[in-house]
Amino acid sequence: MKIFIYKTIFVLISIYILFEFTIGHQIRKFENKINLITSKENIYKVKEKVKKEMRDSLNKDRILDKEEAEIIKKFLEKIKKEIN
């Protein structure tokens, strides 16, 4: 009976360690990435970068090239049709 209990404890500890080194590690990596993305400091950096890019684009003659402008124009026209 003692051997069965020892084997059971050994198997449970082995399963736990295996879980921590495989699935648990992956879960922690995703949690860290989510925390990094949603941190106030990172959000502030992204906002500042967007503002800088918008300021830079105001100094250009054309923001979009002709192909991009045509695609956006067609897309907006399609949206207008669907709204009406």
PDB file of N, CA and C in Angstrom:
ATOM      1  N   MET A   1       0.825  -1.188   0.000  1.00  0.00           N
ATOM      2  CA  MET A   1       0.000   0.000   0.000  1.00  0.00           C
ATOM      3  C   MET A   1       0.873   1.257   0.000  1.00  0.00           C
ATOM      4  N   LYS A   2       1.997   1.239   0.751  1.00  0.00           N
ATOM      5  CA  LYS A   2       2.874   2.388   0.799  1.00  0.00           C
ATOM      6  C   LYS A   2       3.478   2.672  -0.578  1.00  0.00           C
ATOM      7  N   ILE A   3       3.856   1.630  -1.279  1.00  0.00           N
ATOM      8  CA  ILE A   3       4.457   1.800  -2.593  1.00  0.00           C
ATOM      9  C   ILE A   3       3.467   2.460  -3.547  1.00  0.00           C
ATOM     10  N   PHE A   4       2.202   2.080  -3.484  1.00  0.00           N
ATOM     11  CA  PHE A   4       1.169   2.689  -4.327  1.00  0.00           C
ATOM     12  C   PHE A   4       1.056   4.183  -4.040  1.00  0.00           C
ATOM     13  N   ILE A   5       1.049   4.561  -2.778  1.00  0.00           N
ATOM     14  CA  ILE A   5       0.943   5.976  -2.403  1.00  0.00           C
ATOM     15  C   ILE A   5       2.176   6.738  -2.893  1.00  0.00           C
ATOM     16  N   TYR A   6       3.370   6.164  -2.729  1.00  0.00           N
ATOM     17  CA  TYR A   6       4.579   6.823  -3.192  1.00  0.00           C
ATOM     18  C   TYR A   6       4.570   6.993  -4.710  1.00  0.00           C
ATOM     19  N   LYS A   7       4.156   5.975  -5.413  1.00  0.00           N
ATOM     20  CA  LYS A   7       4.087   6.055  -6.874  1.00  0.00           C
ATOM     21  C   LYS A   7       3.067   7.106  -7.312  1.00  0.00           C
ATOM     22  N   THR A   8       1.935   7.148  -6.627  1.00  0.00           N
ATOM     23  CA  THR A   8       0.895   8.124  -6.962  1.00  0.00           C
ATOM     24  C   THR A   8       1.403   9.542  -6.733  1.00  0.00           C
ATOM     25  N   ILE A   9       2.051   9.770  -5.615  1.00  0.00           N
ATOM     26  CA  ILE A   9       2.612  11.093  -5.328  1.00  0.00           C
ATOM     27  C   ILE A   9       3.671  11.462  -6.357  1.00  0.00           C
ATOM     28  N   PHE A  10       4.513  10.516  -6.707  1.00  0.00           N
ATOM     29  CA  PHE A  10       5.551  10.762  -7.710  1.00  0.00           C
ATOM     30  C   PHE A  10       4.933  11.119  -9.066  1.00  0.00           C
ATOM     31  N   VAL A  11       3.908  10.405  -9.468  1.00  0.00           N
ATOM     32  CA  VAL A  11       3.250  10.674 -10.750  1.00  0.00           C
ATOM     33  C   VAL A  11       2.587  12.048 -10.730  1.00  0.00           C
ATOM     34  N   LEU A  12       1.910  12.396  -9.649  1.00  0.00           N
ATOM     35  CA  LEU A  12       1.253  13.700  -9.564  1.00  0.00           C
ATOM     36  C   LEU A  12       2.272  14.840  -9.607  1.00  0.00           C
ATOM     37  N   ILE A  13       3.361  14.697  -8.898  1.00  0.00           N
ATOM     38  CA  ILE A  13       4.405  15.729  -8.921  1.00  0.00           C
ATOM     39  C   ILE A  13       5.012  15.831 -10.315  1.00  0.00           C
ATOM     40  N   SER A  14       5.225  14.704 -10.964  1.00  0.00           N
ATOM     41  CA  SER A  14       5.772  14.705 -12.323  1.00  0.00           C
ATOM     42  C   SER A  14       4.817  15.404 -13.297  1.00  0.00           C
ATOM     43  N   ILE A  15       3.526  15.135 -13.182  1.00  0.00           N
ATOM     44  CA  ILE A  15       2.537  15.777 -14.051  1.00  0.00           C
ATOM     45  C   ILE A  15       2.520  17.280 -13.805  1.00  0.00           C
ATOM     46  N   TYR A  16       2.584  17.684 -12.554  1.00  0.00           N
ATOM     47  CA  TYR A  16       2.583  19.111 -12.223  1.00  0.00           C
ATOM     48  C   TYR A  16       3.815  19.808 -12.814  1.00  0.00           C
ATOM     49  N   ILE A  17       4.981  19.198 -12.638  1.00  0.00           N
ATOM     50  CA  ILE A  17       6.214  19.782 -13.175  1.00  0.00           C
ATOM     51  C   ILE A  17       6.149  19.858 -14.695  1.00  0.00           C
ATOM     52  N   LEU A  18       5.667  18.820 -15.341  1.00  0.00           N
ATOM     53  CA  LEU A  18       5.517  18.816 -16.796  1.00  0.00           C
ATOM     54  C   LEU A  18       4.569  19.923 -17.245  1.00  0.00           C
ATOM     55  N   PHE A  19       3.473  20.097 -16.541  1.00  0.00           N
ATOM     56  CA  PHE A  19       2.515  21.156 -16.866  1.00  0.00           C
ATOM     57  C   PHE A  19       3.167  22.528 -16.742  1.00  0.00           C
ATOM     58  N   GLU A  20       3.890  22.751 -15.660  1.00  0.00           N
ATOM     59  CA  GLU A  20       4.518  24.052 -15.441  1.00  0.00           C
ATOM     60  C   GLU A  20       5.555  24.372 -16.510  1.00  0.00           C
ATOM     61  N   PHE A  21       6.303  23.386 -16.957  1.00  0.00           N
ATOM     62  CA  PHE A  21       7.340  23.640 -17.958  1.00  0.00           C
ATOM     63  C   PHE A  21       6.785  23.743 -19.367  1.00  0.00           C
ATOM     64  N   THR A  22       5.571  23.307 -19.602  1.00  0.00           N
ATOM     65  CA  THR A  22       5.015  23.365 -20.955  1.00  0.00           C
ATOM     66  C   THR A  22       3.879  24.381 -21.027  1.00  0.00           C
ATOM     67  N   ILE A  23       2.717  24.006 -20.608  1.00  0.00           N
ATOM     68  CA  ILE A  23       1.524  24.840 -20.736  1.00  0.00           C
ATOM     69  C   ILE A  23       1.598  26.055 -19.819  1.00  0.00           C
ATOM     70  N   GLY A  24       2.030  25.880 -18.607  1.00  0.00           N
ATOM     71  CA  GLY A  24       2.118  26.988 -17.662  1.00  0.00           C
ATOM     72  C   GLY A  24       3.068  28.077 -18.147  1.00  0.00           C
ATOM     73  N   HIS A  25       4.160  27.677 -18.749  1.00  0.00           N
ATOM     74  CA  HIS A  25       5.122  28.633 -19.274  1.00  0.00           C
ATOM     75  C   HIS A  25       4.503  29.441 -20.415  1.00  0.00           C
ATOM     76  N   GLN A  26       3.792  28.779 -21.303  1.00  0.00           N
ATOM     77  CA  GLN A  26       3.143  29.469 -22.419  1.00  0.00           C
ATOM     78  C   GLN A  26       2.085  30.446 -21.914  1.00  0.00           C
ATOM     79  N   ILE A  27       1.328  30.050 -20.921  1.00  0.00           N
ATOM     80  CA  ILE A  27       0.293  30.925 -20.364  1.00  0.00           C
ATOM     81  C   ILE A  27       0.927  32.172 -19.759  1.00  0.00           C
ATOM     82  N   ARG A  28       2.019  32.023 -19.042  1.00  0.00           N
ATOM     83  CA  ARG A  28       2.699  33.170 -18.451  1.00  0.00           C
ATOM     84  C   ARG A  28       3.247  34.109 -19.524  1.00  0.00           C
ATOM     85  N   LYS A  29       3.758  33.548 -20.628  1.00  0.00           N
ATOM     86  CA  LYS A  29       4.252  34.392 -21.715  1.00  0.00           C
ATOM     87  C   LYS A  29       3.130  35.242 -22.288  1.00  0.00           C
ATOM     88  N   PHE A  30       1.956  34.646 -22.509  1.00  0.00           N
ATOM     89  CA  PHE A  30       0.825  35.402 -23.045  1.00  0.00           C
ATOM     90  C   PHE A  30       0.339  36.455 -22.054  1.00  0.00           C
ATOM     91  N   GLU A  31       0.318  36.119 -20.782  1.00  0.00           N
ATOM     92  CA  GLU A  31      -0.079  37.101 -19.765  1.00  0.00           C
ATOM     93  C   GLU A  31       0.872  38.289 -19.762  1.00  0.00           C
ATOM     94  N   ASN A  32       2.158  38.030 -19.874  1.00  0.00           N
ATOM     95  CA  ASN A  32       3.140  39.116 -19.894  1.00  0.00           C
ATOM     96  C   ASN A  32       2.960  40.004 -21.116  1.00  0.00           C
ATOM     97  N   LYS A  33       2.684  39.397 -22.262  1.00  0.00           N
ATOM     98  CA  LYS A  33       2.463  40.182 -23.476  1.00  0.00           C
ATOM     99  C   LYS A  33       1.215  41.043 -23.347  1.00  0.00           C
ATOM    100  N   ILE A  34       0.153  40.496 -22.803  1.00  0.00           N
ATOM    101  CA  ILE A  34      -1.086  41.256 -22.627  1.00  0.00           C
ATOM    102  C   ILE A  34      -0.862  42.405 -21.655  1.00  0.00           C
ATOM    103  N   ASN A  35      -0.162  42.149 -20.569  1.00  0.00           N
ATOM    104  CA  ASN A  35       0.132  43.213 -19.602  1.00  0.00           C
ATOM    105  C   ASN A  35       0.992  44.301 -20.229  1.00  0.00           C
ATOM    106  N   LEU A  36       1.933  43.906 -21.080  1.00  0.00           N
ATOM    107  CA  LEU A  36       2.793  44.879 -21.740  1.00  0.00           C
ATOM    108  C   LEU A  36       1.984  45.750 -22.697  1.00  0.00           C
ATOM    109  N   ILE A  37       1.079  45.150 -23.432  1.00  0.00           N
ATOM    110  CA  ILE A  37       0.272  45.889 -24.404  1.00  0.00           C
ATOM    111  C   ILE A  37      -0.670  46.856 -23.701  1.00  0.00           C
ATOM    112  N   THR A  38      -1.248  46.449 -22.598  1.00  0.00           N
ATOM    113  CA  THR A  38      -2.263  47.263 -21.934  1.00  0.00           C
ATOM    114  C   THR A  38      -1.712  48.188 -20.857  1.00  0.00           C
ATOM    115  N   SER A  39      -0.391  48.253 -20.713  1.00  0.00           N
ATOM    116  CA  SER A  39       0.164  49.137 -19.688  1.00  0.00           C
ATOM    117  C   SER A  39      -0.027  50.599 -20.109  1.00  0.00           C
ATOM    118  N   LYS A  40      -0.226  51.462 -19.136  1.00  0.00           N
ATOM    119  CA  LYS A  40      -0.455  52.884 -19.420  1.00  0.00           C
ATOM    120  C   LYS A  40       0.740  53.506 -20.130  1.00  0.00           C
ATOM    121  N   GLU A  41       1.917  53.099 -19.724  1.00  0.00           N
ATOM    122  CA  GLU A  41       3.125  53.650 -20.331  1.00  0.00           C
ATOM    123  C   GLU A  41       3.191  53.295 -21.817  1.00  0.00           C
ATOM    124  N   ASN A  42       2.879  52.063 -22.156  1.00  0.00           N
ATOM    125  CA  ASN A  42       2.922  51.629 -23.546  1.00  0.00           C
ATOM    126  C   ASN A  42       1.823  52.309 -24.362  1.00  0.00           C
ATOM    127  N   ILE A  43       0.648  52.477 -23.779  1.00  0.00           N
ATOM    128  CA  ILE A  43      -0.439  53.160 -24.473  1.00  0.00           C
ATOM    129  C   ILE A  43      -0.033  54.597 -24.764  1.00  0.00           C
ATOM    130  N   TYR A  44       0.615  55.244 -23.804  1.00  0.00           N
ATOM    131  CA  TYR A  44       1.078  56.614 -23.989  1.00  0.00           C
ATOM    132  C   TYR A  44       2.092  56.689 -25.139  1.00  0.00           C
ATOM    133  N   LYS A  45       3.024  55.730 -25.192  1.00  0.00           N
ATOM    134  CA  LYS A  45       4.019  55.704 -26.266  1.00  0.00           C
ATOM    135  C   LYS A  45       3.355  55.554 -27.631  1.00  0.00           C
ATOM    136  N   VAL A  46       2.358  54.689 -27.722  1.00  0.00           N
ATOM    137  CA  VAL A  46       1.666  54.471 -28.994  1.00  0.00           C
ATOM    138  C   VAL A  46       0.936  55.742 -29.410  1.00  0.00           C
ATOM    139  N   LYS A  47       0.269  56.394 -28.462  1.00  0.00           N
ATOM    140  CA  LYS A  47      -0.437  57.637 -28.771  1.00  0.00           C
ATOM    141  C   LYS A  47       0.529  58.705 -29.274  1.00  0.00           C
ATOM    142  N   GLU A  48       1.679  58.825 -28.625  1.00  0.00           N
ATOM    143  CA  GLU A  48       2.661  59.811 -29.054  1.00  0.00           C
ATOM    144  C   GLU A  48       3.196  59.494 -30.447  1.00  0.00           C
ATOM    145  N   LYS A  49       3.408  58.213 -30.729  1.00  0.00           N
ATOM    146  CA  LYS A  49       3.899  57.825 -32.051  1.00  0.00           C
ATOM    147  C   LYS A  49       2.861  58.141 -33.127  1.00  0.00           C
ATOM    148  N   VAL A  50       1.588  57.896 -32.840  1.00  0.00           N
ATOM    149  CA  VAL A  50       0.528  58.208 -33.798  1.00  0.00           C
ATOM    150  C   VAL A  50       0.470  59.712 -34.044  1.00  0.00           C
ATOM    151  N   LYS A  51       0.564  60.505 -32.973  1.00  0.00           N
ATOM    152  CA  LYS A  51       0.557  61.959 -33.116  1.00  0.00           C
ATOM    153  C   LYS A  51       1.725  62.431 -33.983  1.00  0.00           C
ATOM    154  N   LYS A  52       2.908  61.858 -33.752  1.00  0.00           N
ATOM    155  CA  LYS A  52       4.090  62.239 -34.525  1.00  0.00           C
ATOM    156  C   LYS A  52       3.891  61.906 -35.995  1.00  0.00           C
ATOM    157  N   GLU A  53       3.382  60.726 -36.282  1.00  0.00           N
ATOM    158  CA  GLU A  53       3.138  60.328 -37.666  1.00  0.00           C
ATOM    159  C   GLU A  53       2.105  61.237 -38.325  1.00  0.00           C
ATOM    160  N   MET A  54       1.091  61.647 -37.576  1.00  0.00           N
ATOM    161  CA  MET A  54       0.083  62.551 -38.131  1.00  0.00           C
ATOM    162  C   MET A  54       0.697  63.913 -38.432  1.00  0.00           C
ATOM    163  N   ARG A  55       1.545  64.408 -37.532  1.00  0.00           N
ATOM    164  CA  ARG A  55       2.221  65.688 -37.778  1.00  0.00           C
ATOM    165  C   ARG A  55       3.122  65.600 -39.004  1.00  0.00           C
ATOM    166  N   ASP A  56       3.857  64.492 -39.121  1.00  0.00           N
ATOM    167  CA  ASP A  56       4.737  64.310 -40.279  1.00  0.00           C
ATOM    168  C   ASP A  56       3.941  64.245 -41.581  1.00  0.00           C
ATOM    169  N   SER A  57       2.784  63.604 -41.538  1.00  0.00           N
ATOM    170  CA  SER A  57       1.986  63.481 -42.761  1.00  0.00           C
ATOM    171  C   SER A  57       1.379  64.810 -43.181  1.00  0.00           C
ATOM    172  N   LEU A  58       1.190  65.735 -42.240  1.00  0.00           N
ATOM    173  CA  LEU A  58       0.662  67.055 -42.593  1.00  0.00           C
ATOM    174  C   LEU A  58       1.660  67.855 -43.428  1.00  0.00           C
ATOM    175  N   ASN A  59       2.926  67.571 -43.284  1.00  0.00           N
ATOM    176  CA  ASN A  59       3.962  68.281 -44.037  1.00  0.00           C
ATOM    177  C   ASN A  59       4.156  67.730 -45.445  1.00  0.00           C
ATOM    178  N   LYS A  60       3.579  66.595 -45.753  1.00  0.00           N
ATOM    179  CA  LYS A  60       3.722  65.995 -47.077  1.00  0.00           C
ATOM    180  C   LYS A  60       2.671  66.562 -48.030  1.00  0.00           C
ATOM    181  N   ASP A  61       2.980  66.530 -49.327  1.00  0.00           N
ATOM    182  CA  ASP A  61       2.003  66.963 -50.330  1.00  0.00           C
ATOM    183  C   ASP A  61       0.866  65.960 -50.442  1.00  0.00           C
ATOM    184  N   ARG A  62       1.211  64.687 -50.495  1.00  0.00           N
ATOM    185  CA  ARG A  62       0.209  63.625 -50.584  1.00  0.00           C
ATOM    186  C   ARG A  62       0.456  62.623 -49.468  1.00  0.00           C
ATOM    187  N   ILE A  63      -0.601  62.314 -48.754  1.00  0.00           N
ATOM    188  CA  ILE A  63      -0.486  61.332 -47.676  1.00  0.00           C
ATOM    189  C   ILE A  63      -0.563  59.924 -48.258  1.00  0.00           C
ATOM    190  N   LEU A  64      -1.472  59.732 -49.199  1.00  0.00           N
ATOM    191  CA  LEU A  64      -1.683  58.428 -49.817  1.00  0.00           C
ATOM    192  C   LEU A  64      -1.200  58.457 -51.251  1.00  0.00           C
ATOM    193  N   ASP A  65      -0.797  57.306 -51.745  1.00  0.00           N
ATOM    194  CA  ASP A  65      -0.518  57.257 -53.175  1.00  0.00           C
ATOM    195  C   ASP A  65      -1.834  57.051 -53.921  1.00  0.00           C
ATOM    196  N   LYS A  66      -1.788  57.121 -55.236  1.00  0.00           N
ATOM    197  CA  LYS A  66      -3.028  57.118 -56.029  1.00  0.00           C
ATOM    198  C   LYS A  66      -3.822  55.824 -55.844  1.00  0.00           C
ATOM    199  N   GLU A  67      -3.136  54.708 -55.785  1.00  0.00           N
ATOM    200  CA  GLU A  67      -3.826  53.420 -55.631  1.00  0.00           C
ATOM    201  C   GLU A  67      -4.564  53.352 -54.291  1.00  0.00           C
ATOM    202  N   GLU A  68      -3.891  53.752 -53.214  1.00  0.00           N
ATOM    203  CA  GLU A  68      -4.525  53.735 -51.890  1.00  0.00           C
ATOM    204  C   GLU A  68      -5.721  54.680 -51.847  1.00  0.00           C
ATOM    205  N   ALA A  69      -5.560  55.867 -52.448  1.00  0.00           N
ATOM    206  CA  ALA A  69      -6.652  56.830 -52.466  1.00  0.00           C
ATOM    207  C   ALA A  69      -7.858  56.281 -53.220  1.00  0.00           C
ATOM    208  N   GLU A  70      -7.617  55.599 -54.325  1.00  0.00           N
ATOM    209  CA  GLU A  70      -8.709  55.025 -55.121  1.00  0.00           C
ATOM    210  C   GLU A  70      -9.434  53.922 -54.344  1.00  0.00           C
ATOM    211  N   ILE A  71      -8.690  53.087 -53.659  1.00  0.00           N
ATOM    212  CA  ILE A  71      -9.292  52.010 -52.867  1.00  0.00           C
ATOM    213  C   ILE A  71     -10.154  52.594 -51.746  1.00  0.00           C
ATOM    214  N   ILE A  72      -9.639  53.583 -51.049  1.00  0.00           N
ATOM    215  CA  ILE A  72     -10.404  54.196 -49.951  1.00  0.00           C
ATOM    216  C   ILE A  72     -11.646  54.887 -50.493  1.00  0.00           C
ATOM    217  N   LYS A  73     -11.521  55.549 -51.645  1.00  0.00           N
ATOM    218  CA  LYS A  73     -12.664  56.218 -52.260  1.00  0.00           C
ATOM    219  C   LYS A  73     -13.770  55.212 -52.585  1.00  0.00           C
ATOM    220  N   LYS A  74     -13.395  54.108 -53.211  1.00  0.00           N
ATOM    221  CA  LYS A  74     -14.386  53.078 -53.551  1.00  0.00           C
ATOM    222  C   LYS A  74     -15.021  52.491 -52.295  1.00  0.00           C
ATOM    223  N   PHE A  75     -14.208  52.279 -51.273  1.00  0.00           N
ATOM    224  CA  PHE A  75     -14.719  51.731 -50.022  1.00  0.00           C
ATOM    225  C   PHE A  75     -15.732  52.674 -49.382  1.00  0.00           C
ATOM    226  N   LEU A  76     -15.410  53.957 -49.341  1.00  0.00           N
ATOM    227  CA  LEU A  76     -16.333  54.933 -48.761  1.00  0.00           C
ATOM    228  C   LEU A  76     -17.622  55.046 -49.574  1.00  0.00           C
ATOM    229  N   GLU A  77     -17.517  54.977 -50.897  1.00  0.00           N
ATOM    230  CA  GLU A  77     -18.716  55.007 -51.738  1.00  0.00           C
ATOM    231  C   GLU A  77     -19.612  53.798 -51.457  1.00  0.00           C
ATOM    232  N   LYS A  78     -19.003  52.652 -51.288  1.00  0.00           N
ATOM    233  CA  LYS A  78     -19.766  51.444 -50.979  1.00  0.00           C
ATOM    234  C   LYS A  78     -20.468  51.582 -49.624  1.00  0.00           C
ATOM    235  N   ILE A  79     -19.797  52.149 -48.661  1.00  0.00           N
ATOM    236  CA  ILE A  79     -20.409  52.360 -47.352  1.00  0.00           C
ATOM    237  C   ILE A  79     -21.576  53.329 -47.461  1.00  0.00           C
ATOM    238  N   LYS A  80     -21.418  54.389 -48.242  1.00  0.00           N
ATOM    239  CA  LYS A  80     -22.497  55.355 -48.447  1.00  0.00           C
ATOM    240  C   LYS A  80     -23.724  54.678 -49.053  1.00  0.00           C
ATOM    241  N   LYS A  81     -23.501  53.800 -50.026  1.00  0.00           N
ATOM    242  CA  LYS A  81     -24.627  53.075 -50.658  1.00  0.00           C
ATOM    243  C   LYS A  81     -25.344  52.195 -49.657  1.00  0.00           C
ATOM    244  N   GLU A  82     -24.574  51.515 -48.809  1.00  0.00           N
ATOM    245  CA  GLU A  82     -25.189  50.613 -47.844  1.00  0.00           C
ATOM    246  C   GLU A  82     -25.946  51.373 -46.755  1.00  0.00           C
ATOM    247  N   ILE A  83     -25.476  52.554 -46.414  1.00  0.00           N
ATOM    248  CA  ILE A  83     -26.169  53.343 -45.386  1.00  0.00           C
ATOM    249  C   ILE A  83     -27.494  53.859 -45.915  1.00  0.00           C
ATOM    250  N   ASN A  84     -27.516  54.288 -47.160  1.00  0.00           N
ATOM    251  CA  ASN A  84     -28.768  54.840 -47.745  1.00  0.00           C
ATOM    252  C   ASN A  84     -29.693  53.780 -48.147  1.00  0.00           C
TER     253      ASN A  84
END
